[in-house]
Amino acid sequence: MSEQIKRELLDVTGHKCPIPVLRLRKYLEKLETGEEITLIASDPMAQLDIAHFCHKAGHDLMNITKEGGKIVFQIRK
């Protein structure tokens, strides 16, 4: 039986940086290592800020996609 990975969603659309990073950091505190979160943002600076935060904090930024003015991040703690 395979272990199911918990996946969460955090929508910070409409918030300017640094709010998306601050909300992500706080949200990740309640997740276990290996759990994943999808973050949706609209601020173009979030792409740089989220990538930098994940690199510094040791989280795996698995994917970034753009969908109609929104940026979708897949992150594994």
N, C-alpha and C. Protein backbone atom coordinates (compact mmCIF):
# COMPACT_ATOMS: atom_id res chain seq x y z
N MET A 1 0.85 -1.19 0.00
CA MET A 1 0.00 0.00 0.00
C MET A 1 0.89 1.24 0.00
N SER A 2 0.70 2.14 -0.95
CA SER A 2 1.54 3.33 -1.03
C SER A 2 1.02 4.41 -0.08
N GLU A 3 1.96 5.20 0.43
CA GLU A 3 1.62 6.29 1.33
C GLU A 3 1.11 7.47 0.51
N GLN A 4 0.00 8.04 0.94
CA GLN A 4 -0.57 9.17 0.22
C GLN A 4 0.07 10.47 0.71
N ILE A 5 0.50 11.31 -0.23
CA ILE A 5 1.10 12.59 0.11
C ILE A 5 0.00 13.61 0.32
N LYS A 6 0.08 14.33 1.43
CA LYS A 6 -0.88 15.38 1.71
C LYS A 6 -0.55 16.59 0.85
N ARG A 7 -1.57 17.14 0.19
CA ARG A 7 -1.38 18.32 -0.66
C ARG A 7 -2.30 19.44 -0.17
N GLU A 8 -1.76 20.61 -0.04
CA GLU A 8 -2.51 21.77 0.45
C GLU A 8 -2.56 22.84 -0.63
N LEU A 9 -3.47 23.80 -0.48
CA LEU A 9 -3.61 24.90 -1.42
C LEU A 9 -3.61 26.21 -0.63
N LEU A 10 -2.79 27.15 -1.09
CA LEU A 10 -2.73 28.49 -0.49
C LEU A 10 -2.85 29.50 -1.62
N ASP A 11 -3.92 30.28 -1.61
CA ASP A 11 -4.17 31.28 -2.64
C ASP A 11 -3.88 32.67 -2.07
N VAL A 12 -2.82 33.30 -2.58
CA VAL A 12 -2.45 34.64 -2.13
C VAL A 12 -2.62 35.66 -3.27
N THR A 13 -3.52 35.33 -4.20
CA THR A 13 -3.82 36.21 -5.32
C THR A 13 -4.24 37.58 -4.80
N GLY A 14 -3.68 38.64 -5.41
CA GLY A 14 -4.03 39.99 -5.01
C GLY A 14 -3.10 40.59 -3.97
N HIS A 15 -2.26 39.77 -3.36
CA HIS A 15 -1.32 40.26 -2.35
C HIS A 15 0.03 40.55 -3.00
N LYS A 16 0.63 41.65 -2.61
CA LYS A 16 1.97 42.04 -3.09
C LYS A 16 3.03 41.48 -2.15
N CYS A 17 4.21 41.22 -2.71
CA CYS A 17 5.32 40.76 -1.90
C CYS A 17 5.68 41.83 -0.88
N PRO A 18 6.00 41.42 0.33
CA PRO A 18 6.42 40.09 0.76
C PRO A 18 5.30 39.20 1.32
N ILE A 19 4.05 39.61 1.24
CA ILE A 19 2.95 38.85 1.84
C ILE A 19 2.91 37.39 1.36
N PRO A 20 3.03 37.09 0.06
CA PRO A 20 3.00 35.67 -0.34
C PRO A 20 4.06 34.81 0.35
N VAL A 21 5.28 35.34 0.48
CA VAL A 21 6.35 34.57 1.14
C VAL A 21 6.04 34.41 2.63
N LEU A 22 5.58 35.46 3.27
CA LEU A 22 5.27 35.39 4.70
C LEU A 22 4.15 34.39 4.98
N ARG A 23 3.11 34.41 4.14
CA ARG A 23 2.00 33.46 4.32
C ARG A 23 2.46 32.02 4.05
N LEU A 24 3.30 31.84 3.03
CA LEU A 24 3.83 30.51 2.72
C LEU A 24 4.66 29.99 3.88
N ARG A 25 5.55 30.82 4.39
CA ARG A 25 6.40 30.39 5.51
C ARG A 25 5.56 29.94 6.70
N LYS A 26 4.56 30.73 7.05
CA LYS A 26 3.69 30.38 8.18
C LYS A 26 2.92 29.08 7.90
N TYR A 27 2.43 28.92 6.69
CA TYR A 27 1.66 27.72 6.32
C TYR A 27 2.53 26.47 6.37
N LEU A 28 3.77 26.60 5.90
CA LEU A 28 4.67 25.45 5.88
C LEU A 28 5.01 24.95 7.29
N GLU A 29 4.90 25.81 8.29
CA GLU A 29 5.19 25.42 9.66
C GLU A 29 4.29 24.29 10.13
N LYS A 30 3.07 24.22 9.63
CA LYS A 30 2.14 23.19 10.09
C LYS A 30 2.18 21.91 9.24
N LEU A 31 2.98 21.92 8.17
CA LEU A 31 3.10 20.73 7.32
C LEU A 31 4.26 19.86 7.78
N GLU A 32 4.16 18.58 7.51
CA GLU A 32 5.23 17.63 7.80
C GLU A 32 6.18 17.58 6.61
N THR A 33 7.41 17.19 6.85
CA THR A 33 8.38 17.01 5.79
C THR A 33 7.83 16.03 4.75
N GLY A 34 7.93 16.39 3.49
CA GLY A 34 7.43 15.55 2.41
C GLY A 34 6.05 15.93 1.92
N GLU A 35 5.32 16.72 2.71
CA GLU A 35 4.01 17.17 2.27
C GLU A 35 4.17 18.29 1.25
N GLU A 36 3.15 18.48 0.43
CA GLU A 36 3.23 19.44 -0.67
C GLU A 36 2.17 20.52 -0.54
N ILE A 37 2.50 21.68 -1.11
CA ILE A 37 1.56 22.79 -1.13
C ILE A 37 1.57 23.40 -2.52
N THR A 38 0.40 23.80 -2.97
CA THR A 38 0.25 24.57 -4.20
C THR A 38 -0.04 26.00 -3.77
N LEU A 39 0.80 26.92 -4.23
CA LEU A 39 0.63 28.34 -3.92
C LEU A 39 0.24 29.05 -5.20
N ILE A 40 -0.82 29.86 -5.14
CA ILE A 40 -1.26 30.63 -6.29
C ILE A 40 -1.07 32.11 -5.96
N ALA A 41 -0.31 32.81 -6.80
CA ALA A 41 -0.02 34.23 -6.59
C ALA A 41 -0.25 35.01 -7.88
N SER A 42 -0.40 36.32 -7.72
CA SER A 42 -0.59 37.17 -8.90
C SER A 42 0.52 38.20 -9.04
N ASP A 43 1.28 38.46 -7.99
CA ASP A 43 2.36 39.45 -8.04
C ASP A 43 3.55 38.86 -8.79
N PRO A 44 3.98 39.48 -9.89
CA PRO A 44 5.11 38.95 -10.66
C PRO A 44 6.39 38.77 -9.83
N MET A 45 6.58 39.60 -8.81
CA MET A 45 7.76 39.47 -7.95
C MET A 45 7.75 38.18 -7.13
N ALA A 46 6.58 37.59 -6.97
CA ALA A 46 6.48 36.36 -6.19
C ALA A 46 7.34 35.25 -6.79
N GLN A 47 7.48 35.26 -8.11
CA GLN A 47 8.27 34.21 -8.76
C GLN A 47 9.71 34.23 -8.24
N LEU A 48 10.30 35.39 -8.12
CA LEU A 48 11.66 35.50 -7.59
C LEU A 48 11.69 35.26 -6.09
N ASP A 49 10.75 35.88 -5.37
CA ASP A 49 10.76 35.80 -3.91
C ASP A 49 10.49 34.38 -3.41
N ILE A 50 9.54 33.69 -4.00
CA ILE A 50 9.22 32.32 -3.58
C ILE A 50 10.38 31.39 -3.88
N ALA A 51 10.98 31.53 -5.07
CA ALA A 51 12.13 30.68 -5.43
C ALA A 51 13.28 30.90 -4.46
N HIS A 52 13.56 32.15 -4.13
CA HIS A 52 14.65 32.47 -3.20
C HIS A 52 14.35 31.90 -1.81
N PHE A 53 13.12 32.10 -1.33
CA PHE A 53 12.73 31.58 -0.03
C PHE A 53 12.88 30.06 0.04
N CYS A 54 12.38 29.35 -0.97
CA CYS A 54 12.46 27.88 -0.98
C CYS A 54 13.91 27.42 -0.97
N HIS A 55 14.75 28.06 -1.75
CA HIS A 55 16.17 27.70 -1.80
C HIS A 55 16.82 27.90 -0.43
N LYS A 56 16.59 29.05 0.19
CA LYS A 56 17.20 29.37 1.48
C LYS A 56 16.67 28.47 2.61
N ALA A 57 15.38 28.14 2.56
CA ALA A 57 14.76 27.38 3.64
C ALA A 57 14.85 25.87 3.44
N GLY A 58 15.34 25.43 2.27
CA GLY A 58 15.51 24.01 2.02
C GLY A 58 14.26 23.28 1.53
N HIS A 59 13.30 24.03 1.01
CA HIS A 59 12.10 23.41 0.44
C HIS A 59 12.31 23.16 -1.05
N ASP A 60 11.62 22.18 -1.58
CA ASP A 60 11.77 21.80 -2.99
C ASP A 60 10.71 22.52 -3.82
N LEU A 61 11.15 23.48 -4.64
CA LEU A 61 10.25 24.16 -5.57
C LEU A 61 10.19 23.28 -6.81
N MET A 62 9.14 22.47 -6.89
CA MET A 62 9.05 21.43 -7.91
C MET A 62 8.63 21.95 -9.27
N ASN A 63 7.77 22.99 -9.27
CA ASN A 63 7.25 23.47 -10.55
C ASN A 63 6.69 24.87 -10.41
N ILE A 64 6.83 25.66 -11.47
CA ILE A 64 6.21 26.98 -11.56
C ILE A 64 5.52 27.05 -12.92
N THR A 65 4.24 27.39 -12.92
CA THR A 65 3.52 27.57 -14.18
C THR A 65 2.76 28.89 -14.11
N LYS A 66 2.48 29.44 -15.27
CA LYS A 66 1.70 30.67 -15.36
C LYS A 66 0.38 30.33 -16.03
N GLU A 67 -0.71 30.76 -15.39
CA GLU A 67 -2.04 30.49 -15.91
C GLU A 67 -2.89 31.75 -15.84
N GLY A 68 -3.05 32.42 -16.97
CA GLY A 68 -3.93 33.59 -17.04
C GLY A 68 -3.66 34.68 -16.02
N GLY A 69 -2.45 35.13 -15.90
CA GLY A 69 -2.12 36.20 -14.96
C GLY A 69 -1.81 35.73 -13.57
N LYS A 70 -1.91 34.44 -13.34
CA LYS A 70 -1.57 33.87 -12.03
C LYS A 70 -0.35 32.98 -12.16
N ILE A 71 0.41 32.91 -11.08
CA ILE A 71 1.59 32.05 -11.04
C ILE A 71 1.29 30.93 -10.04
N VAL A 72 1.47 29.69 -10.48
CA VAL A 72 1.17 28.54 -9.64
C VAL A 72 2.48 27.84 -9.29
N PHE A 73 2.73 27.70 -8.00
CA PHE A 73 3.95 27.08 -7.48
C PHE A 73 3.60 25.74 -6.83
N GLN A 74 4.38 24.72 -7.14
CA GLN A 74 4.27 23.42 -6.47
C GLN A 74 5.50 23.30 -5.58
N ILE A 75 5.28 23.18 -4.28
CA ILE A 75 6.37 23.17 -3.30
C ILE A 75 6.24 21.96 -2.40
N ARG A 76 7.37 21.30 -2.15
CA ARG A 76 7.41 20.18 -1.20
C ARG A 76 8.27 20.60 -0.02
N LYS A 77 7.71 20.43 1.17
CA LYS A 77 8.46 20.77 2.39
C LYS A 77 9.53 19.73 2.62
